[in-house]
Amino acid sequence: MQLQLGPYPVHLLKSDEPFSETTWQDQLPAAVQEQAATYKAKSRREEFLRSRYLLQQLGTPIVGTGDGGEPLWEDGVVASLTHKQGHVAVVQSRLDQTKGIGIDLESVAKVRLEFTHRICTESDRILLEKFPATEQQQILTTIFAAKEALYK
């Protein structure tokens, strides 16, 4: 599935799309399957395989892994990858079109208002307080996701 949420398309593989590790085994390189096998949690293994499958479909291979575990892209490519609760999303571009790009998925239920002091600057908190209490958790999650995307 592709969404146009700005100047760059977001490619999404939703959690409700059928997935079985064995279904995609023959479609992914052995090195990817070996790396996936190192993850003990089935959900993490599936997100990893789904992300690599989506990248393969887009023709955007990961050429390595950085010191922080971040994916490294081939020369001239900027991309960002995120996964949460079985959903996988990728946004990509060319380095001659943008210097950087980021994306993040977060669960509103997991970003609690008690985390505000860890997520927000003083100006963020002032902005957050302008919203009705019923909307603040959603806004906090949006702030957190935006910061995570910028970090990527």
C-alpha atoms as a PDB file:
ATOM      1  CA  MET A   1       0.000   0.000   0.000  1.00  0.00           C
ATOM      2  CA  GLN A   2       1.252   3.505  -0.769  1.00  0.00           C
ATOM      3  CA  LEU A   3       0.164   6.711   0.957  1.00  0.00           C
ATOM      4  CA  GLN A   4       0.981  10.232  -0.159  1.00  0.00           C
ATOM      5  CA  LEU A   5       1.399  12.174   3.097  1.00  0.00           C
ATOM      6  CA  GLY A   6       3.743  14.855   1.819  1.00  0.00           C
ATOM      7  CA  PRO A   7       6.255  15.223  -0.970  1.00  0.00           C
ATOM      8  CA  TYR A   8       7.459  11.621  -0.626  1.00  0.00           C
ATOM      9  CA  PRO A   9       5.274   8.511  -0.822  1.00  0.00           C
ATOM     10  CA  VAL A  10       5.058   6.309   2.260  1.00  0.00           C
ATOM     11  CA  HIS A  11       5.053   2.589   1.527  1.00  0.00           C
ATOM     12  CA  LEU A  12       3.177   0.554   4.108  1.00  0.00           C
ATOM     13  CA  LEU A  13       2.811  -3.130   4.809  1.00  0.00           C
ATOM     14  CA  LYS A  14      -0.050  -3.403   7.274  1.00  0.00           C
ATOM     15  CA  SER A  15      -0.184  -5.906  10.105  1.00  0.00           C
ATOM     16  CA  ASP A  16      -3.415  -7.436   8.808  1.00  0.00           C
ATOM     17  CA  GLU A  17      -1.789  -8.467   5.519  1.00  0.00           C
ATOM     18  CA  PRO A  18      -1.194 -12.228   5.674  1.00  0.00           C
ATOM     19  CA  PHE A  19       2.280 -13.173   6.789  1.00  0.00           C
ATOM     20  CA  SER A  20       4.081 -16.388   7.443  1.00  0.00           C
ATOM     21  CA  GLU A  21       7.825 -16.680   7.831  1.00  0.00           C
ATOM     22  CA  THR A  22       7.796 -19.686   5.526  1.00  0.00           C
ATOM     23  CA  THR A  23       5.730 -17.852   2.878  1.00  0.00           C
ATOM     24  CA  TRP A  24       8.468 -15.300   2.264  1.00  0.00           C
ATOM     25  CA  GLN A  25      11.499 -17.482   2.963  1.00  0.00           C
ATOM     26  CA  ASP A  26      12.167 -18.185  -0.695  1.00  0.00           C
ATOM     27  CA  GLN A  27      11.783 -14.481  -1.561  1.00  0.00           C
ATOM     28  CA  LEU A  28      14.423 -13.129   0.838  1.00  0.00           C
ATOM     29  CA  PRO A  29      18.194 -13.660   0.737  1.00  0.00           C
ATOM     30  CA  ALA A  30      19.691 -16.242   3.076  1.00  0.00           C
ATOM     31  CA  ALA A  31      21.611 -13.517   4.976  1.00  0.00           C
ATOM     32  CA  VAL A  32      18.331 -11.765   5.815  1.00  0.00           C
ATOM     33  CA  GLN A  33      16.800 -15.027   7.014  1.00  0.00           C
ATOM     34  CA  GLU A  34      19.878 -15.753   9.130  1.00  0.00           C
ATOM     35  CA  GLN A  35      19.695 -12.323  10.752  1.00  0.00           C
ATOM     36  CA  ALA A  36      15.968 -12.771  11.410  1.00  0.00           C
ATOM     37  CA  ALA A  37      16.685 -16.077  13.141  1.00  0.00           C
ATOM     38  CA  THR A  38      18.746 -14.212  15.762  1.00  0.00           C
ATOM     39  CA  TYR A  39      15.589 -12.520  17.106  1.00  0.00           C
ATOM     40  CA  LYS A  40      13.974 -14.619  19.821  1.00  0.00           C
ATOM     41  CA  ALA A  41      10.596 -12.884  19.799  1.00  0.00           C
ATOM     42  CA  LYS A  42       8.391 -14.039  16.927  1.00  0.00           C
ATOM     43  CA  SER A  43       6.837 -10.559  16.589  1.00  0.00           C
ATOM     44  CA  ARG A  44      10.274  -8.923  16.217  1.00  0.00           C
ATOM     45  CA  ARG A  45      11.359 -11.574  13.715  1.00  0.00           C
ATOM     46  CA  GLU A  46       8.198 -11.019  11.648  1.00  0.00           C
ATOM     47  CA  GLU A  47       8.592  -7.215  11.678  1.00  0.00           C
ATOM     48  CA  PHE A  48      12.196  -7.618  10.560  1.00  0.00           C
ATOM     49  CA  LEU A  49      11.222  -9.967   7.717  1.00  0.00           C
ATOM     50  CA  ARG A  50       8.265  -7.767   6.686  1.00  0.00           C
ATOM     51  CA  SER A  51      10.521  -4.708   6.571  1.00  0.00           C
ATOM     52  CA  ARG A  52      13.143  -6.467   4.448  1.00  0.00           C
ATOM     53  CA  TYR A  53      10.446  -7.818   2.146  1.00  0.00           C
ATOM     54  CA  LEU A  54       8.982  -4.336   1.649  1.00  0.00           C
ATOM     55  CA  LEU A  55      12.424  -2.865   0.976  1.00  0.00           C
ATOM     56  CA  GLN A  56      13.105  -5.620  -1.542  1.00  0.00           C
ATOM     57  CA  GLN A  57       9.818  -4.888  -3.318  1.00  0.00           C
ATOM     58  CA  LEU A  58      10.795  -1.210  -3.520  1.00  0.00           C
ATOM     59  CA  GLY A  59      14.282  -1.978  -4.808  1.00  0.00           C
ATOM     60  CA  THR A  60      15.861  -0.264  -1.809  1.00  0.00           C
ATOM     61  CA  PRO A  61      18.305  -2.723  -0.303  1.00  0.00           C
ATOM     62  CA  ILE A  62      20.049  -2.214   3.007  1.00  0.00           C
ATOM     63  CA  VAL A  63      23.766  -2.458   2.323  1.00  0.00           C
ATOM     64  CA  GLY A  64      24.890  -2.628   5.942  1.00  0.00           C
ATOM     65  CA  THR A  65      24.213  -1.681   9.505  1.00  0.00           C
ATOM     66  CA  GLY A  66      25.639   1.332  11.318  1.00  0.00           C
ATOM     67  CA  ASP A  67      27.191   1.362  14.786  1.00  0.00           C
ATOM     68  CA  GLY A  68      23.810   2.234  16.328  1.00  0.00           C
ATOM     69  CA  GLY A  69      22.041  -0.590  14.488  1.00  0.00           C
ATOM     70  CA  GLU A  70      20.595   1.775  11.901  1.00  0.00           C
ATOM     71  CA  PRO A  71      20.274   0.590   8.300  1.00  0.00           C
ATOM     72  CA  LEU A  72      22.792   1.881   5.787  1.00  0.00           C
ATOM     73  CA  TRP A  73      21.553   2.562   2.267  1.00  0.00           C
ATOM     74  CA  GLU A  74      23.344   2.442  -1.074  1.00  0.00           C
ATOM     75  CA  ASP A  75      25.043   5.648  -2.253  1.00  0.00           C
ATOM     76  CA  GLY A  76      22.627   8.350  -3.304  1.00  0.00           C
ATOM     77  CA  VAL A  77      19.647   6.914  -1.376  1.00  0.00           C
ATOM     78  CA  VAL A  78      18.067   8.399   1.726  1.00  0.00           C
ATOM     79  CA  ALA A  79      15.407   6.317   3.401  1.00  0.00           C
ATOM     80  CA  SER A  80      13.783   5.662   6.718  1.00  0.00           C
ATOM     81  CA  LEU A  81      12.168   2.522   8.023  1.00  0.00           C
ATOM     82  CA  THR A  82       9.852   2.005  10.986  1.00  0.00           C
ATOM     83  CA  HIS A  83       7.818  -0.843  12.401  1.00  0.00           C
ATOM     84  CA  LYS A  84       5.318  -1.128  15.198  1.00  0.00           C
ATOM     85  CA  GLN A  85       2.822  -3.837  16.131  1.00  0.00           C
ATOM     86  CA  GLY A  86       3.288  -5.676  12.841  1.00  0.00           C
ATOM     87  CA  HIS A  87       2.994  -2.568  10.651  1.00  0.00           C
ATOM     88  CA  VAL A  88       6.019  -1.635   8.559  1.00  0.00           C
ATOM     89  CA  ALA A  89       6.523   1.685   6.772  1.00  0.00           C
ATOM     90  CA  VAL A  90       9.274   3.001   4.501  1.00  0.00           C
ATOM     91  CA  VAL A  91       9.845   6.416   2.991  1.00  0.00           C
ATOM     92  CA  GLN A  92      12.672   6.951   0.524  1.00  0.00           C
ATOM     93  CA  SER A  93      14.184   9.523  -1.774  1.00  0.00           C
ATOM     94  CA  ARG A  94      17.382  10.374  -3.580  1.00  0.00           C
ATOM     95  CA  LEU A  95      20.138  12.354  -1.904  1.00  0.00           C
ATOM     96  CA  ASP A  96      20.022  14.910  -4.719  1.00  0.00           C
ATOM     97  CA  GLN A  97      16.357  15.623  -3.800  1.00  0.00           C
ATOM     98  CA  THR A  98      16.636  15.835  -0.007  1.00  0.00           C
ATOM     99  CA  LYS A  99      19.394  15.673   2.594  1.00  0.00           C
ATOM    100  CA  GLY A 100      17.500  13.457   4.995  1.00  0.00           C
ATOM    101  CA  ILE A 101      14.169  11.809   5.596  1.00  0.00           C
ATOM    102  CA  GLY A 102      12.523  10.151   8.580  1.00  0.00           C
ATOM    103  CA  ILE A 103       9.402   8.242   9.536  1.00  0.00           C
ATOM    104  CA  ASP A 104       8.077   6.771  12.766  1.00  0.00           C
ATOM    105  CA  LEU A 105       5.062   4.786  13.944  1.00  0.00           C
ATOM    106  CA  GLU A 106       3.955   4.994  17.561  1.00  0.00           C
ATOM    107  CA  SER A 107       1.095   3.572  19.561  1.00  0.00           C
ATOM    108  CA  VAL A 108      -0.968   6.254  21.309  1.00  0.00           C
ATOM    109  CA  ALA A 109      -1.714   3.804  24.126  1.00  0.00           C
ATOM    110  CA  LYS A 110       1.999   3.400  24.907  1.00  0.00           C
ATOM    111  CA  VAL A 111       2.982   7.080  24.973  1.00  0.00           C
ATOM    112  CA  ARG A 112       1.523   8.136  28.298  1.00  0.00           C
ATOM    113  CA  LEU A 113       1.176  11.650  29.647  1.00  0.00           C
ATOM    114  CA  GLU A 114       3.545  10.738  32.510  1.00  0.00           C
ATOM    115  CA  PHE A 115       6.311  10.774  29.868  1.00  0.00           C
ATOM    116  CA  THR A 116       5.714  14.435  28.968  1.00  0.00           C
ATOM    117  CA  HIS A 117       8.726  15.673  30.962  1.00  0.00           C
ATOM    118  CA  ARG A 118      11.004  13.217  29.104  1.00  0.00           C
ATOM    119  CA  ILE A 119       9.600  13.915  25.622  1.00  0.00           C
ATOM    120  CA  CYS A 120       8.825  17.621  25.621  1.00  0.00           C
ATOM    121  CA  THR A 121      10.799  20.797  25.854  1.00  0.00           C
ATOM    122  CA  GLU A 122       9.282  23.688  27.781  1.00  0.00           C
ATOM    123  CA  SER A 123       7.832  25.149  24.560  1.00  0.00           C
ATOM    124  CA  ASP A 124       6.404  21.714  23.653  1.00  0.00           C
ATOM    125  CA  ARG A 125       4.695  21.536  27.060  1.00  0.00           C
ATOM    126  CA  ILE A 126       3.210  25.016  26.615  1.00  0.00           C
ATOM    127  CA  LEU A 127       1.814  23.953  23.231  1.00  0.00           C
ATOM    128  CA  LEU A 128       0.502  20.666  24.629  1.00  0.00           C
ATOM    129  CA  GLU A 129      -1.346  22.430  27.440  1.00  0.00           C
ATOM    130  CA  LYS A 130      -3.323  24.487  24.892  1.00  0.00           C
ATOM    131  CA  PHE A 131      -5.160  21.326  23.805  1.00  0.00           C
ATOM    132  CA  PRO A 132      -8.098  19.828  25.668  1.00  0.00           C
ATOM    133  CA  ALA A 133      -7.065  17.135  28.153  1.00  0.00           C
ATOM    134  CA  THR A 134      -8.885  14.539  26.038  1.00  0.00           C
ATOM    135  CA  GLU A 135      -6.537  15.238  23.099  1.00  0.00           C
ATOM    136  CA  GLN A 136      -3.222  15.609  24.929  1.00  0.00           C
ATOM    137  CA  GLN A 137      -2.132  11.977  24.730  1.00  0.00           C
ATOM    138  CA  GLN A 138      -2.652  11.973  20.945  1.00  0.00           C
ATOM    139  CA  ILE A 139      -0.728  15.257  20.608  1.00  0.00           C
ATOM    140  CA  LEU A 140       2.073  13.972  22.862  1.00  0.00           C
ATOM    141  CA  THR A 141       2.339  10.844  20.706  1.00  0.00           C
ATOM    142  CA  THR A 142       2.541  13.024  17.589  1.00  0.00           C
ATOM    143  CA  ILE A 143       5.317  15.128  19.159  1.00  0.00           C
ATOM    144  CA  PHE A 144       7.198  11.986  20.159  1.00  0.00           C
ATOM    145  CA  ALA A 145       6.838  10.398  16.701  1.00  0.00           C
ATOM    146  CA  ALA A 146       7.989  13.621  15.009  1.00  0.00           C
ATOM    147  CA  LYS A 147      11.096  13.745  17.187  1.00  0.00           C
ATOM    148  CA  GLU A 148      11.833  10.081  16.534  1.00  0.00           C
ATOM    149  CA  ALA A 149      11.482  10.650  12.780  1.00  0.00           C
ATOM    150  CA  LEU A 150      13.878  13.617  12.958  1.00  0.00           C
ATOM    151  CA  TYR A 151      16.378  11.522  14.892  1.00  0.00           C
ATOM    152  CA  LYS A 152      16.317   8.883  12.156  1.00  0.00           C
END
